[in-house]
Amino acid sequence: LWTIQNLVSSSQKATDILMSQKMMKNCLFVLNNSADSELKHESVQCLDLLIEKNLSKLDVDEKEEIGMSVLNYIRKYNHDHISLQLLHRLLNLNAWTLSLEKTRDLVTILCQHLIDRSSSNTSDDLIHFTIRILIIIFKADPHLLEKFLEDLINQNVKLSGIINETVKIPKFFNFSKNLIQFVALVYTSTDPVAIKYNL
């Protein structure tokens, strides 16, 4: 898998050859069936590189399979920022759509990343992609903002505390626009839970 990553990074021609040999399917098989967490991680990295260069060539069924596989991986290994990067790539380019049933537990996982920021070694990249994915989710379904706020309320966590921790990230200025979008979505929401929370 490490060799494949190097080949994909080297040239589009190498990537095309690997795609013709169904390397995407092979990476998905490893991700979905291996019991080795390190192999799963490597397969996610391979998928991210392959999709970066070949997303337009994938059909709807392939995108759905990749999206669900990555989401299931995140549910079990939720501190892998590459998987969030891959999920963001799919969502941001409208290659895959999250339904409500797919998303509620993801919102809880992402919320926990932000809560854990102040008490663990949560990576900066993980926080960055967490915020970017939440923006997409909240725009797609405002009701999921309510779920996010309920999770914060249940743990007695203030959004202001999360923001204060986020701005300490060394790379903060690289995604300050995303943080502003995120905060605006929360504080301009007309959802009853949001209004109560903001008060």
C-alpha atoms as a PDB file:
ATOM      1  CA  LEU A   1       0.000   0.000   0.000  1.00  0.00           C
ATOM      2  CA  TRP A   2       2.862   2.360   0.760  1.00  0.00           C
ATOM      3  CA  THR A   3       4.357   1.611  -2.669  1.00  0.00           C
ATOM      4  CA  ILE A   4       1.002   2.286  -4.319  1.00  0.00           C
ATOM      5  CA  GLN A   5       0.820   5.666  -2.594  1.00  0.00           C
ATOM      6  CA  ASN A   6       4.222   6.565  -4.031  1.00  0.00           C
ATOM      7  CA  LEU A   7       3.189   5.431  -7.506  1.00  0.00           C
ATOM      8  CA  VAL A   8      -0.047   7.427  -7.395  1.00  0.00           C
ATOM      9  CA  SER A   9       1.857  10.500  -6.241  1.00  0.00           C
ATOM     10  CA  SER A  10       4.441  10.124  -9.013  1.00  0.00           C
ATOM     11  CA  SER A  11       2.295  10.581 -12.139  1.00  0.00           C
ATOM     12  CA  GLN A  12      -1.176  10.471 -13.622  1.00  0.00           C
ATOM     13  CA  LYS A  13      -0.037   7.705 -15.971  1.00  0.00           C
ATOM     14  CA  ALA A  14       0.866   5.459 -13.027  1.00  0.00           C
ATOM     15  CA  THR A  15      -2.478   6.282 -11.442  1.00  0.00           C
ATOM     16  CA  ASP A  16      -4.359   5.393 -14.633  1.00  0.00           C
ATOM     17  CA  ILE A  17      -2.604   2.018 -14.799  1.00  0.00           C
ATOM     18  CA  LEU A  18      -3.468   1.274 -11.171  1.00  0.00           C
ATOM     19  CA  MET A  19      -7.088   2.285 -11.738  1.00  0.00           C
ATOM     20  CA  SER A  20      -7.285  -0.006 -14.764  1.00  0.00           C
ATOM     21  CA  GLN A  21      -6.152  -2.848 -12.497  1.00  0.00           C
ATOM     22  CA  LYS A  22      -9.031  -2.110 -10.106  1.00  0.00           C
ATOM     23  CA  MET A  23      -6.774  -0.746  -7.387  1.00  0.00           C
ATOM     24  CA  MET A  24      -9.655   1.311  -5.993  1.00  0.00           C
ATOM     25  CA  LYS A  25     -11.659  -1.868  -5.414  1.00  0.00           C
ATOM     26  CA  ASN A  26      -8.657  -3.551  -3.814  1.00  0.00           C
ATOM     27  CA  CYS A  27      -8.136  -0.657  -1.404  1.00  0.00           C
ATOM     28  CA  LEU A  28     -11.818  -0.747  -0.496  1.00  0.00           C
ATOM     29  CA  PHE A  29     -11.594  -4.473   0.130  1.00  0.00           C
ATOM     30  CA  VAL A  30      -8.700  -3.937   2.565  1.00  0.00           C
ATOM     31  CA  LEU A  31     -10.539  -1.087   4.270  1.00  0.00           C
ATOM     32  CA  ASN A  32     -13.722  -3.113   4.694  1.00  0.00           C
ATOM     33  CA  ASN A  33     -12.263  -6.517   5.543  1.00  0.00           C
ATOM     34  CA  SER A  34      -8.839  -6.212   7.155  1.00  0.00           C
ATOM     35  CA  ALA A  35      -8.581  -6.663  10.916  1.00  0.00           C
ATOM     36  CA  ASP A  36      -5.314  -4.688  10.949  1.00  0.00           C
ATOM     37  CA  SER A  37      -5.885  -1.023  11.841  1.00  0.00           C
ATOM     38  CA  GLU A  38      -2.601   0.040  10.236  1.00  0.00           C
ATOM     39  CA  LEU A  39      -3.569  -1.590   6.939  1.00  0.00           C
ATOM     40  CA  LYS A  40      -6.929   0.139   7.109  1.00  0.00           C
ATOM     41  CA  HIS A  41      -5.189   3.476   7.646  1.00  0.00           C
ATOM     42  CA  GLU A  42      -2.869   2.870   4.686  1.00  0.00           C
ATOM     43  CA  SER A  43      -5.818   1.930   2.481  1.00  0.00           C
ATOM     44  CA  VAL A  44      -7.574   5.196   3.402  1.00  0.00           C
ATOM     45  CA  GLN A  45      -4.469   7.112   2.386  1.00  0.00           C
ATOM     46  CA  CYS A  46      -4.379   5.248  -0.937  1.00  0.00           C
ATOM     47  CA  LEU A  47      -8.044   5.957  -1.546  1.00  0.00           C
ATOM     48  CA  ASP A  48      -7.577   9.638  -0.807  1.00  0.00           C
ATOM     49  CA  LEU A  49      -4.773   9.910  -3.365  1.00  0.00           C
ATOM     50  CA  LEU A  50      -6.646   7.878  -5.975  1.00  0.00           C
ATOM     51  CA  ILE A  51      -9.850   9.865  -5.556  1.00  0.00           C
ATOM     52  CA  GLU A  52      -8.022  13.182  -5.671  1.00  0.00           C
ATOM     53  CA  LYS A  53      -6.939  12.358  -9.231  1.00  0.00           C
ATOM     54  CA  ASN A  54      -9.875  10.247 -10.427  1.00  0.00           C
ATOM     55  CA  LEU A  55     -13.065  11.450  -8.772  1.00  0.00           C
ATOM     56  CA  SER A  56     -14.675  12.519 -12.055  1.00  0.00           C
ATOM     57  CA  LYS A  57     -14.175   9.010 -13.458  1.00  0.00           C
ATOM     58  CA  LEU A  58     -16.169   7.282 -10.712  1.00  0.00           C
ATOM     59  CA  ASP A  59     -19.833   6.407 -11.113  1.00  0.00           C
ATOM     60  CA  VAL A  60     -22.540   7.007  -8.507  1.00  0.00           C
ATOM     61  CA  ASP A  61     -22.364   3.467  -7.100  1.00  0.00           C
ATOM     62  CA  GLU A  62     -18.587   3.660  -6.662  1.00  0.00           C
ATOM     63  CA  LYS A  63     -18.863   6.994  -4.865  1.00  0.00           C
ATOM     64  CA  GLU A  64     -21.562   5.595  -2.582  1.00  0.00           C
ATOM     65  CA  GLU A  65     -19.426   2.550  -1.751  1.00  0.00           C
ATOM     66  CA  ILE A  66     -16.407   4.717  -0.980  1.00  0.00           C
ATOM     67  CA  GLY A  67     -18.457   7.163   1.098  1.00  0.00           C
ATOM     68  CA  MET A  68     -20.086   4.453   3.214  1.00  0.00           C
ATOM     69  CA  SER A  69     -16.787   2.602   3.664  1.00  0.00           C
ATOM     70  CA  VAL A  70     -15.037   5.750   4.861  1.00  0.00           C
ATOM     71  CA  LEU A  71     -17.946   6.651   7.143  1.00  0.00           C
ATOM     72  CA  ASN A  72     -17.878   3.184   8.727  1.00  0.00           C
ATOM     73  CA  TYR A  73     -14.124   3.521   9.200  1.00  0.00           C
ATOM     74  CA  ILE A  74     -14.567   6.908  10.897  1.00  0.00           C
ATOM     75  CA  ARG A  75     -17.130   5.402  13.261  1.00  0.00           C
ATOM     76  CA  LYS A  76     -14.494   2.973  14.544  1.00  0.00           C
ATOM     77  CA  TYR A  77     -11.242   4.914  14.061  1.00  0.00           C
ATOM     78  CA  ASN A  78     -12.480   8.438  14.441  1.00  0.00           C
ATOM     79  CA  HIS A  79      -9.185  10.211  15.138  1.00  0.00           C
ATOM     80  CA  ASP A  80      -7.702   9.598  11.684  1.00  0.00           C
ATOM     81  CA  HIS A  81      -7.598  12.985   9.958  1.00  0.00           C
ATOM     82  CA  ILE A  82      -6.916  11.436   6.517  1.00  0.00           C
ATOM     83  CA  SER A  83     -10.331   9.759   6.614  1.00  0.00           C
ATOM     84  CA  LEU A  84     -11.934  13.125   7.416  1.00  0.00           C
ATOM     85  CA  GLN A  85      -9.947  14.706   4.600  1.00  0.00           C
ATOM     86  CA  LEU A  86     -11.284  12.047   2.223  1.00  0.00           C
ATOM     87  CA  LEU A  87     -14.845  12.465   3.488  1.00  0.00           C
ATOM     88  CA  HIS A  88     -14.563  16.228   3.069  1.00  0.00           C
ATOM     89  CA  ARG A  89     -13.274  15.754  -0.476  1.00  0.00           C
ATOM     90  CA  LEU A  90     -16.331  13.674  -1.369  1.00  0.00           C
ATOM     91  CA  LEU A  91     -18.808  16.044   0.288  1.00  0.00           C
ATOM     92  CA  ASN A  92     -17.225  19.283  -0.863  1.00  0.00           C
ATOM     93  CA  LEU A  93     -17.296  18.218  -4.519  1.00  0.00           C
ATOM     94  CA  ASN A  94     -20.873  16.944  -4.223  1.00  0.00           C
ATOM     95  CA  ALA A  95     -19.636  13.452  -5.045  1.00  0.00           C
ATOM     96  CA  TRP A  96     -21.580  11.945  -2.159  1.00  0.00           C
ATOM     97  CA  THR A  97     -24.564  13.047  -0.103  1.00  0.00           C
ATOM     98  CA  LEU A  98     -25.047  12.323   3.570  1.00  0.00           C
ATOM     99  CA  SER A  99     -28.579  11.370   4.558  1.00  0.00           C
ATOM    100  CA  LEU A 100     -29.955  12.075   8.014  1.00  0.00           C
ATOM    101  CA  GLU A 101     -29.588   8.471   9.163  1.00  0.00           C
ATOM    102  CA  LYS A 102     -25.980   8.424   7.985  1.00  0.00           C
ATOM    103  CA  THR A 103     -25.154  11.687   9.682  1.00  0.00           C
ATOM    104  CA  ARG A 104     -26.493  11.835  13.237  1.00  0.00           C
ATOM    105  CA  ASP A 105     -23.764   9.673  14.766  1.00  0.00           C
ATOM    106  CA  LEU A 106     -21.140  11.435  12.615  1.00  0.00           C
ATOM    107  CA  VAL A 107     -22.209  14.771  14.116  1.00  0.00           C
ATOM    108  CA  THR A 108     -21.672  13.315  17.603  1.00  0.00           C
ATOM    109  CA  ILE A 109     -18.195  12.073  16.638  1.00  0.00           C
ATOM    110  CA  LEU A 110     -17.234  15.454  15.168  1.00  0.00           C
ATOM    111  CA  CYS A 111     -18.657  17.292  18.158  1.00  0.00           C
ATOM    112  CA  GLN A 112     -16.516  15.132  20.442  1.00  0.00           C
ATOM    113  CA  HIS A 113     -13.402  16.063  18.450  1.00  0.00           C
ATOM    114  CA  LEU A 114     -14.031  19.716  19.240  1.00  0.00           C
ATOM    115  CA  ILE A 115     -14.759  18.997  22.894  1.00  0.00           C
ATOM    116  CA  ASP A 116     -11.616  16.869  23.213  1.00  0.00           C
ATOM    117  CA  ARG A 117      -9.439  19.595  21.715  1.00  0.00           C
ATOM    118  CA  SER A 118      -8.773  21.188  25.101  1.00  0.00           C
ATOM    119  CA  SER A 119      -7.990  17.951  26.927  1.00  0.00           C
ATOM    120  CA  SER A 120      -6.098  15.763  24.455  1.00  0.00           C
ATOM    121  CA  ASN A 121      -3.537  15.771  21.682  1.00  0.00           C
ATOM    122  CA  THR A 122      -6.176  16.046  18.970  1.00  0.00           C
ATOM    123  CA  SER A 123      -4.357  17.012  15.788  1.00  0.00           C
ATOM    124  CA  ASP A 124      -4.785  20.408  14.175  1.00  0.00           C
ATOM    125  CA  ASP A 125      -5.710  18.796  10.840  1.00  0.00           C
ATOM    126  CA  LEU A 126      -8.403  16.735  12.538  1.00  0.00           C
ATOM    127  CA  ILE A 127      -9.992  19.886  13.962  1.00  0.00           C
ATOM    128  CA  HIS A 128      -9.701  21.664  10.620  1.00  0.00           C
ATOM    129  CA  PHE A 129     -11.544  18.953   8.681  1.00  0.00           C
ATOM    130  CA  THR A 130     -14.037  18.477  11.523  1.00  0.00           C
ATOM    131  CA  ILE A 131     -15.112  22.106  11.212  1.00  0.00           C
ATOM    132  CA  ARG A 132     -15.206  22.018   7.411  1.00  0.00           C
ATOM    133  CA  ILE A 133     -17.378  18.887   7.384  1.00  0.00           C
ATOM    134  CA  LEU A 134     -19.741  20.296  10.018  1.00  0.00           C
ATOM    135  CA  ILE A 135     -20.244  23.404   7.857  1.00  0.00           C
ATOM    136  CA  ILE A 136     -21.313  21.218   4.924  1.00  0.00           C
ATOM    137  CA  ILE A 137     -23.593  19.124   7.154  1.00  0.00           C
ATOM    138  CA  PHE A 138     -25.279  22.145   8.780  1.00  0.00           C
ATOM    139  CA  LYS A 139     -25.890  23.797   5.406  1.00  0.00           C
ATOM    140  CA  ALA A 140     -27.372  20.589   4.006  1.00  0.00           C
ATOM    141  CA  ASP A 141     -29.639  19.946   6.996  1.00  0.00           C
ATOM    142  CA  PRO A 142     -30.099  22.671   9.650  1.00  0.00           C
ATOM    143  CA  HIS A 143     -31.724  20.090  11.961  1.00  0.00           C
ATOM    144  CA  LEU A 144     -28.288  18.543  12.433  1.00  0.00           C
ATOM    145  CA  LEU A 145     -27.117  21.805  13.979  1.00  0.00           C
ATOM    146  CA  GLU A 146     -29.713  21.114  16.677  1.00  0.00           C
ATOM    147  CA  LYS A 147     -28.144  17.671  17.224  1.00  0.00           C
ATOM    148  CA  PHE A 148     -24.693  19.257  17.534  1.00  0.00           C
ATOM    149  CA  LEU A 149     -25.905  21.808  20.096  1.00  0.00           C
ATOM    150  CA  GLU A 150     -27.745  19.140  22.068  1.00  0.00           C
ATOM    151  CA  ASP A 151     -24.463  17.205  22.317  1.00  0.00           C
ATOM    152  CA  LEU A 152     -22.712  20.331  23.622  1.00  0.00           C
ATOM    153  CA  ILE A 153     -25.504  21.022  26.117  1.00  0.00           C
ATOM    154  CA  ASN A 154     -25.500  17.417  27.358  1.00  0.00           C
ATOM    155  CA  GLN A 155     -21.792  17.721  28.133  1.00  0.00           C
ATOM    156  CA  ASN A 156     -22.122  21.241  29.538  1.00  0.00           C
ATOM    157  CA  VAL A 157     -19.714  22.643  26.939  1.00  0.00           C
ATOM    158  CA  LYS A 158     -19.779  26.238  25.701  1.00  0.00           C
ATOM    159  CA  LEU A 159     -19.101  26.981  22.055  1.00  0.00           C
ATOM    160  CA  SER A 160     -16.998  29.952  23.137  1.00  0.00           C
ATOM    161  CA  GLY A 161     -14.599  27.541  24.850  1.00  0.00           C
ATOM    162  CA  ILE A 162     -14.276  25.496  21.670  1.00  0.00           C
ATOM    163  CA  ILE A 163     -13.585  28.653  19.648  1.00  0.00           C
ATOM    164  CA  ASN A 164     -10.946  29.806  22.141  1.00  0.00           C
ATOM    165  CA  GLU A 165      -9.138  26.476  21.830  1.00  0.00           C
ATOM    166  CA  THR A 166      -9.413  26.459  18.046  1.00  0.00           C
ATOM    167  CA  VAL A 167      -7.819  29.881  17.577  1.00  0.00           C
ATOM    168  CA  LYS A 168      -4.747  28.595  19.428  1.00  0.00           C
ATOM    169  CA  ILE A 169      -4.007  26.210  16.559  1.00  0.00           C
ATOM    170  CA  PRO A 170      -0.736  27.267  14.873  1.00  0.00           C
ATOM    171  CA  LYS A 171      -2.347  26.895  11.430  1.00  0.00           C
ATOM    172  CA  PHE A 172      -5.427  28.835  12.535  1.00  0.00           C
ATOM    173  CA  PHE A 173      -5.130  31.586   9.945  1.00  0.00           C
ATOM    174  CA  ASN A 174      -5.169  28.965   7.189  1.00  0.00           C
ATOM    175  CA  PHE A 175      -8.779  28.136   8.027  1.00  0.00           C
ATOM    176  CA  SER A 176     -10.039  31.197   9.914  1.00  0.00           C
ATOM    177  CA  LYS A 177     -12.648  31.702   7.164  1.00  0.00           C
ATOM    178  CA  ASN A 178     -14.025  28.224   7.895  1.00  0.00           C
ATOM    179  CA  LEU A 179     -14.248  28.954  11.605  1.00  0.00           C
ATOM    180  CA  ILE A 180     -16.102  32.215  10.927  1.00  0.00           C
ATOM    181  CA  GLN A 181     -18.579  30.339   8.701  1.00  0.00           C
ATOM    182  CA  PHE A 182     -19.028  27.706  11.381  1.00  0.00           C
ATOM    183  CA  VAL A 183     -19.694  30.233  14.137  1.00  0.00           C
ATOM    184  CA  ALA A 184     -22.054  32.238  11.910  1.00  0.00           C
ATOM    185  CA  LEU A 185     -24.146  29.149  11.171  1.00  0.00           C
ATOM    186  CA  VAL A 186     -24.609  28.537  14.891  1.00  0.00           C
ATOM    187  CA  TYR A 187     -25.300  32.092  16.002  1.00  0.00           C
ATOM    188  CA  THR A 188     -27.644  33.031  13.146  1.00  0.00           C
ATOM    189  CA  SER A 189     -29.718  29.862  13.351  1.00  0.00           C
ATOM    190  CA  THR A 190     -33.424  30.283  14.106  1.00  0.00           C
ATOM    191  CA  ASP A 191     -33.668  26.776  15.517  1.00  0.00           C
ATOM    192  CA  PRO A 192     -35.210  26.885  19.041  1.00  0.00           C
ATOM    193  CA  VAL A 193     -32.296  24.930  20.507  1.00  0.00           C
ATOM    194  CA  ALA A 194     -29.808  27.319  18.902  1.00  0.00           C
ATOM    195  CA  ILE A 195     -31.679  30.357  20.219  1.00  0.00           C
ATOM    196  CA  LYS A 196     -31.808  28.892  23.714  1.00  0.00           C
ATOM    197  CA  TYR A 197     -28.147  27.891  23.568  1.00  0.00           C
ATOM    198  CA  ASN A 198     -27.037  31.327  22.358  1.00  0.00           C
ATOM    199  CA  LEU A 199     -28.834  32.964  25.234  1.00  0.00           C
END
